[in-house]
Protein backbone atom coordinates (compact mmCIF):
# COMPACT_ATOMS: atom_id res chain seq x y z
CA UNK A 1 0.00 0.00 0.00
CA UNK A 2 1.43 3.39 -0.96
CA UNK A 3 1.80 6.18 1.59
CA UNK A 4 -1.03 8.18 0.00
CA UNK A 5 -3.31 5.14 -0.04
CA UNK A 6 -2.42 4.48 3.59
CA UNK A 7 -3.43 8.00 4.58
CA UNK A 8 -6.66 7.70 2.66
CA UNK A 9 -7.48 4.37 4.32
CA UNK A 10 -6.70 5.78 7.77
CA UNK A 11 -9.02 8.70 7.09
CA UNK A 12 -11.80 6.33 6.03
CA UNK A 13 -11.22 4.20 9.12
CA UNK A 14 -11.44 7.20 11.45
CA UNK A 15 -14.62 8.41 9.75
CA UNK A 16 -16.20 4.96 9.98
CA UNK A 17 -15.34 4.71 13.68
CA UNK A 18 -16.94 8.10 14.37
CA UNK A 19 -19.99 7.02 12.40
CA UNK A 20 -20.30 3.82 14.44
CA UNK A 21 -19.92 5.69 17.74
CA UNK A 22 -22.68 8.01 16.58
CA UNK A 23 -25.19 5.18 16.29
CA UNK A 24 -24.46 3.42 12.99
CA UNK A 25 -23.68 -0.29 12.78
CA UNK A 26 -20.60 -1.36 14.79
CA UNK A 27 -17.17 -1.69 13.19
CA UNK A 28 -14.02 -3.55 14.25
CA UNK A 29 -10.48 -2.28 13.81
CA UNK A 30 -7.41 -4.52 13.90
CA UNK A 31 -4.04 -2.93 14.67
CA UNK A 32 -0.66 -4.64 14.41
CA UNK A 33 1.20 -4.28 17.72
CA UNK A 34 3.91 -6.91 17.14
CA UNK A 35 4.90 -7.94 13.62
CA UNK A 36 6.56 -11.16 14.74
CA UNK A 37 8.33 -12.75 11.76
CA UNK A 38 5.61 -11.98 9.22
CA UNK A 39 7.21 -8.82 7.89
CA UNK A 40 4.04 -6.76 8.30
CA UNK A 41 4.01 -3.14 9.43
CA UNK A 42 3.59 -2.35 13.13
CA UNK A 43 0.73 0.12 13.44
CA UNK A 44 -0.99 -1.04 10.25
CA UNK A 45 -4.77 -0.94 10.59
CA UNK A 46 -7.70 -2.67 8.95
CA UNK A 47 -11.38 -1.99 9.53
CA UNK A 48 -14.16 -4.56 9.16
CA UNK A 49 -17.79 -3.51 8.86
CA UNK A 50 -20.77 -5.49 10.08
CA UNK A 51 -21.51 -6.63 6.51
CA UNK A 52 -17.98 -8.01 6.08
CA UNK A 53 -16.61 -5.24 3.85
CA UNK A 54 -13.25 -3.77 4.79
CA UNK A 55 -11.10 -0.65 4.69
CA UNK A 56 -7.31 -0.88 4.72
CA UNK A 57 -5.14 -3.98 4.78
CA UNK A 58 -2.64 -5.80 7.00
CA UNK A 59 -1.06 -8.00 4.34
CA UNK A 60 -3.63 -8.25 1.55
CA UNK A 61 -4.03 -12.02 1.91
CA UNK A 62 -4.10 -14.61 4.68
CA UNK A 63 -3.88 -12.26 7.66
CA UNK A 64 -6.60 -10.00 6.24
CA UNK A 65 -8.90 -13.01 5.91
CA UNK A 66 -8.21 -13.98 9.52
CA UNK A 67 -9.02 -10.45 10.67
CA UNK A 68 -12.37 -10.57 8.88
CA UNK A 69 -13.19 -13.94 10.45
CA UNK A 70 -12.34 -12.78 13.98
CA UNK A 71 -14.15 -9.46 13.53
CA UNK A 72 -17.34 -11.13 12.36
CA UNK A 73 -17.19 -13.45 15.38
CA UNK A 74 -16.68 -10.43 17.68
CA UNK A 75 -19.83 -8.81 16.31
CA UNK A 76 -21.84 -11.86 17.36
CA UNK A 77 -20.26 -12.16 20.79
CA UNK A 78 -22.43 -11.37 23.79
CA UNK A 79 -21.41 -10.23 26.31
CA UNK A 80 -19.27 -8.08 24.02
CA UNK A 81 -15.46 -8.11 24.29
CA UNK A 82 -14.60 -4.63 23.04
CA UNK A 83 -10.83 -5.23 23.01
CA UNK A 84 -9.04 -8.52 22.45
CA UNK A 85 -5.72 -9.87 21.24
CA UNK A 86 -5.33 -12.14 18.25
CA UNK A 87 -2.22 -14.00 17.22
CA UNK A 88 -1.90 -14.67 13.51
CA UNK A 89 0.40 -16.62 11.24
CA UNK A 90 0.21 -17.71 7.65
CA UNK A 91 0.08 -21.44 8.39
CA UNK A 92 -2.75 -21.61 10.95
CA UNK A 93 -5.95 -19.90 12.01
CA UNK A 94 -5.88 -16.94 14.40
CA UNK A 95 -5.82 -17.75 18.11
CA UNK A 96 -6.66 -15.60 21.12
CA UNK A 97 -4.07 -16.79 23.64
CA UNK A 98 -0.31 -16.41 23.62
CA UNK A 99 0.02 -20.01 24.79
CA UNK A 100 -1.71 -21.13 21.57
CA UNK A 101 0.45 -18.97 19.29
CA UNK A 102 3.27 -20.30 17.14
CA UNK A 103 6.82 -18.90 17.14
CA UNK A 104 6.99 -15.93 14.82
CA UNK A 105 3.29 -15.12 14.98
CA UNK A 106 2.23 -11.50 14.82
CA UNK A 107 0.02 -10.00 17.51
CA UNK A 108 -2.90 -7.76 16.61
CA UNK A 109 -5.39 -5.92 18.80
CA UNK A 110 -9.00 -6.14 17.65
CA UNK A 111 -11.28 -3.40 18.94
CA UNK A 112 -15.03 -3.11 18.41
CA UNK A 113 -16.45 0.40 18.14
CA UNK A 114 -20.15 1.04 18.59
CA UNK A 115 -22.53 3.53 20.13
CA UNK A 116 -23.19 3.23 23.87
CA UNK A 117 -25.57 0.42 24.72
CA UNK A 118 -29.21 1.42 24.46
CA UNK A 119 -31.87 0.90 27.10
CA UNK A 120 -35.46 0.98 25.86
CA UNK A 121 -37.97 1.51 28.66
CA UNK A 122 -41.52 0.66 27.63
CA UNK A 123 -43.70 2.37 30.23
CA UNK A 124 -43.26 5.80 31.76
CA UNK A 125 -44.67 5.11 35.22
CA UNK A 126 -42.87 5.20 38.57
CA UNK A 127 -40.71 2.13 37.89
CA UNK A 128 -39.93 3.22 34.32
CA UNK A 129 -38.80 6.61 35.59
CA UNK A 130 -36.34 5.08 38.05
CA UNK A 131 -35.05 2.60 35.46
CA UNK A 132 -34.29 5.53 33.17
CA UNK A 133 -32.52 7.33 36.03
CA UNK A 134 -30.36 4.33 36.92
CA UNK A 135 -29.70 3.50 33.27
CA UNK A 136 -28.48 7.01 32.51
CA UNK A 137 -26.09 6.85 35.47
CA UNK A 138 -24.69 3.61 34.01
CA UNK A 139 -24.04 5.22 30.63
CA UNK A 140 -26.91 3.76 28.61
CA UNK A 141 -28.58 5.74 25.85
CA UNK A 142 -32.15 5.95 27.10
CA UNK A 143 -35.31 5.64 25.00
CA UNK A 144 -38.68 5.84 26.74
CA UNK A 145 -41.92 4.72 25.08
CA UNK A 146 -45.42 5.39 26.36
CA UNK A 147 -48.66 6.26 24.60
CA UNK A 148 -49.75 8.72 27.32
CA UNK A 149 -48.51 12.32 26.96
CA UNK A 150 -48.46 12.88 30.70
CA UNK A 151 -45.99 9.98 31.08
CA UNK A 152 -43.96 10.42 27.89
CA UNK A 153 -42.48 13.89 27.76
CA UNK A 154 -39.00 15.43 28.11
CA UNK A 155 -39.93 17.22 31.32
CA UNK A 156 -40.59 13.91 33.08
CA UNK A 157 -37.56 12.21 31.50
CA UNK A 158 -34.82 14.85 31.19
CA UNK A 159 -32.16 12.11 31.36
CA UNK A 160 -33.54 10.34 28.27
CA UNK A 161 -31.97 10.68 24.83
CA UNK A 162 -35.35 10.00 23.23
CA UNK A 163 -38.93 10.08 24.52
CA UNK A 164 -41.55 8.62 22.20
CA UNK A 165 -45.20 9.35 22.82
CA UNK A 166 -46.89 7.03 20.37
CA UNK A 167 -48.45 3.60 20.05
CA UNK A 168 -46.09 1.02 21.54
CA UNK A 169 -46.16 -1.36 18.57
CA UNK A 170 -45.48 1.45 16.09
CA UNK A 171 -42.61 2.83 18.14
CA UNK A 172 -40.93 -0.58 18.48
CA UNK A 173 -41.38 -1.46 14.81
CA UNK A 174 -39.70 1.81 13.76
CA UNK A 175 -36.73 1.26 16.07
CA UNK A 176 -33.42 -0.40 15.23
CA UNK A 177 -32.93 -3.20 17.76
CA UNK A 178 -29.83 -5.40 17.98
CA UNK A 179 -27.67 -7.23 20.51
CA UNK A 180 -26.49 -3.96 22.10
CA UNK A 181 -30.07 -3.04 23.00
CA UNK A 182 -31.81 -3.92 26.28
CA UNK A 183 -35.61 -3.66 26.34
CA UNK A 184 -37.51 -3.41 29.62
CA UNK A 185 -41.29 -3.84 29.60
CA UNK A 186 -42.77 -2.06 32.62
CA UNK A 187 -45.96 -0.65 31.16
CA UNK A 188 -49.24 -0.12 32.96
CA UNK A 189 -50.91 -3.42 32.23
CA UNK A 190 -51.14 -6.89 30.80
CA UNK A 191 -52.32 -5.81 27.34
CA UNK A 192 -49.53 -3.27 26.80
CA UNK A 193 -46.83 -5.72 27.90
CA UNK A 194 -48.22 -8.41 25.60
CA UNK A 195 -48.30 -5.98 22.68
CA UNK A 196 -44.74 -4.81 23.32
CA UNK A 197 -43.35 -8.33 23.71
CA UNK A 198 -45.10 -9.46 20.55
CA UNK A 199 -43.19 -6.80 18.60
CA UNK A 200 -39.80 -7.13 20.30
CA UNK A 201 -39.32 -10.82 21.15
CA UNK A 202 -37.89 -11.86 17.77
CA UNK A 203 -35.91 -8.69 17.02
CA UNK A 204 -32.54 -9.87 18.39
CA UNK A 205 -32.23 -7.62 21.45
CA UNK A 206 -29.42 -8.51 23.82
CA UNK A 207 -31.84 -8.42 26.74
CA UNK A 208 -35.62 -8.41 27.01
CA UNK A 209 -37.30 -8.34 30.41
CA UNK A 210 -40.95 -8.06 31.45
CA UNK A 211 -42.27 -7.05 34.84
CA UNK A 212 -45.16 -8.82 36.54
CA UNK A 213 -46.05 -11.76 38.72
CA UNK A 214 -45.08 -15.24 37.59
CA UNK A 215 -48.73 -16.11 36.98
CA UNK A 216 -49.36 -13.02 34.86
CA UNK A 217 -46.18 -13.33 32.81
CA UNK A 218 -46.76 -17.05 32.25
CA UNK A 219 -50.12 -16.26 30.69
CA UNK A 220 -48.51 -13.67 28.39
CA UNK A 221 -45.84 -16.12 27.27
CA UNK A 222 -48.37 -18.88 26.62
CA UNK A 223 -50.54 -16.55 24.55
CA UNK A 224 -47.60 -15.44 22.41
CA UNK A 225 -46.46 -19.03 21.91
CA UNK A 226 -49.93 -19.88 20.64
CA UNK A 227 -49.68 -16.96 18.22
CA UNK A 228 -46.54 -18.48 16.73
CA UNK A 229 -43.76 -16.45 18.38
CA UNK A 230 -40.63 -18.63 18.24
CA UNK A 231 -40.04 -20.73 21.36
CA UNK A 232 -36.33 -19.89 21.51
CA UNK A 233 -37.13 -16.15 21.40
CA UNK A 234 -39.58 -16.46 24.28
CA UNK A 235 -37.08 -18.58 26.24
CA UNK A 236 -34.68 -15.63 26.26
CA UNK A 237 -37.20 -13.27 27.85
CA UNK A 238 -36.36 -12.50 31.48
CA UNK A 239 -39.60 -12.72 33.40
CA UNK A 240 -40.29 -12.11 36.18
CA UNK A 241 -37.68 -9.44 35.66
CA UNK A 242 -34.69 -8.58 37.84
CA UNK A 243 -32.54 -10.14 40.55
CA UNK A 244 -33.91 -11.26 43.90
CA UNK A 245 -32.71 -8.51 46.26
CA UNK A 246 -35.98 -8.14 48.15
CA UNK A 247 -36.89 -5.02 46.16
CA UNK A 248 -40.08 -3.18 47.15
CA UNK A 249 -39.85 0.50 46.13
CA UNK A 250 -39.64 1.70 42.50
CA UNK A 251 -36.00 2.61 43.11
CA UNK A 252 -35.18 -0.83 44.50
CA UNK A 253 -37.03 -2.53 41.64
CA UNK A 254 -35.07 -0.44 39.13
CA UNK A 255 -31.82 -1.42 40.86
CA UNK A 256 -32.82 -5.08 40.66
CA UNK A 257 -33.57 -4.80 36.93
CA UNK A 258 -30.42 -2.87 36.00
CA UNK A 259 -28.31 -5.31 38.03
CA UNK A 260 -29.68 -8.17 35.94
CA UNK A 261 -29.01 -6.29 32.70
CA UNK A 262 -25.40 -5.57 33.71
CA UNK A 263 -24.96 -9.20 34.76
CA UNK A 264 -26.16 -10.39 31.35
CA UNK A 265 -24.03 -7.88 29.43
CA UNK A 266 -20.80 -8.66 31.27
CA UNK A 267 -21.27 -12.33 32.10
CA UNK A 268 -21.40 -12.00 35.88
CA UNK A 269 -22.58 -14.69 38.27
CA UNK A 270 -24.91 -12.71 40.53
CA UNK A 271 -23.22 -14.20 43.58
CA UNK A 272 -21.77 -12.26 46.50
CA UNK A 273 -18.19 -11.20 45.81
CA UNK A 274 -17.29 -12.16 49.38
CA UNK A 275 -18.37 -15.74 48.62
CA UNK A 276 -16.36 -15.84 45.41
CA UNK A 277 -13.30 -14.38 47.14
CA UNK A 278 -13.52 -16.94 49.94
CA UNK A 279 -13.71 -19.79 47.46
CA UNK A 280 -10.70 -18.50 45.49
CA UNK A 281 -8.69 -18.19 48.69
CA UNK A 282 -9.68 -21.74 49.68
CA UNK A 283 -8.65 -23.04 46.27
CA UNK A 284 -5.22 -21.45 46.70
CA UNK A 285 -4.88 -23.22 50.03
């Protein structure tokens, strides 16, 4: 790659990263940090888009193909690993651990760039308000949906990036939903929750949770199954929603729900850290 072409590619990569951070589809960028014995350029970058197209090149052949493969796998990973190492050679597939690498392999860093995770709160009541508050503190981009003007307005939800006062099904259908999106159904009643879940269950959200008693939510799930909603999609719905922390107030319920969302996003266990620490210490003898 000539110097001019390299500058042009770097400019395109930077623009694509900014576009992704602004809400477009995620992109992955591989950067060479150790050339090993491959003769590639330290600092060389290559971007992979969600559709598999690329900008820039590491070596124009085998290594580039490995970068695409690893990037596409990273896009599907949940919880998301935003930064990971990959060791590449020309005689084997990329590996993630140094212990698996071969002598002379190059080391690349693969970083996924995307907009902050989005939290969609369906229902602007007391619990929905506190979920939006907690979610904003955790860095989520907040969208609130409610069909009642008195519950869906910027004055009530100043922390929200978007407040939609419209029919729930219409609002969900118009929204881009993917694995970075968490959807919380805390609307005012059985019919609204059923409607919302019908339109979101099969959209590929990273997390979908619905509030309500076990009896009530079981009825909703059975009704949707009879309508033909895929069984595996319904199996991924968290209901009753949240972690068991003895929550009673809207604030405590919101804490319970956001704790479960964070657990799912980052692959936590939900156990007490003191218990985990004690076990690790026991294992070390």
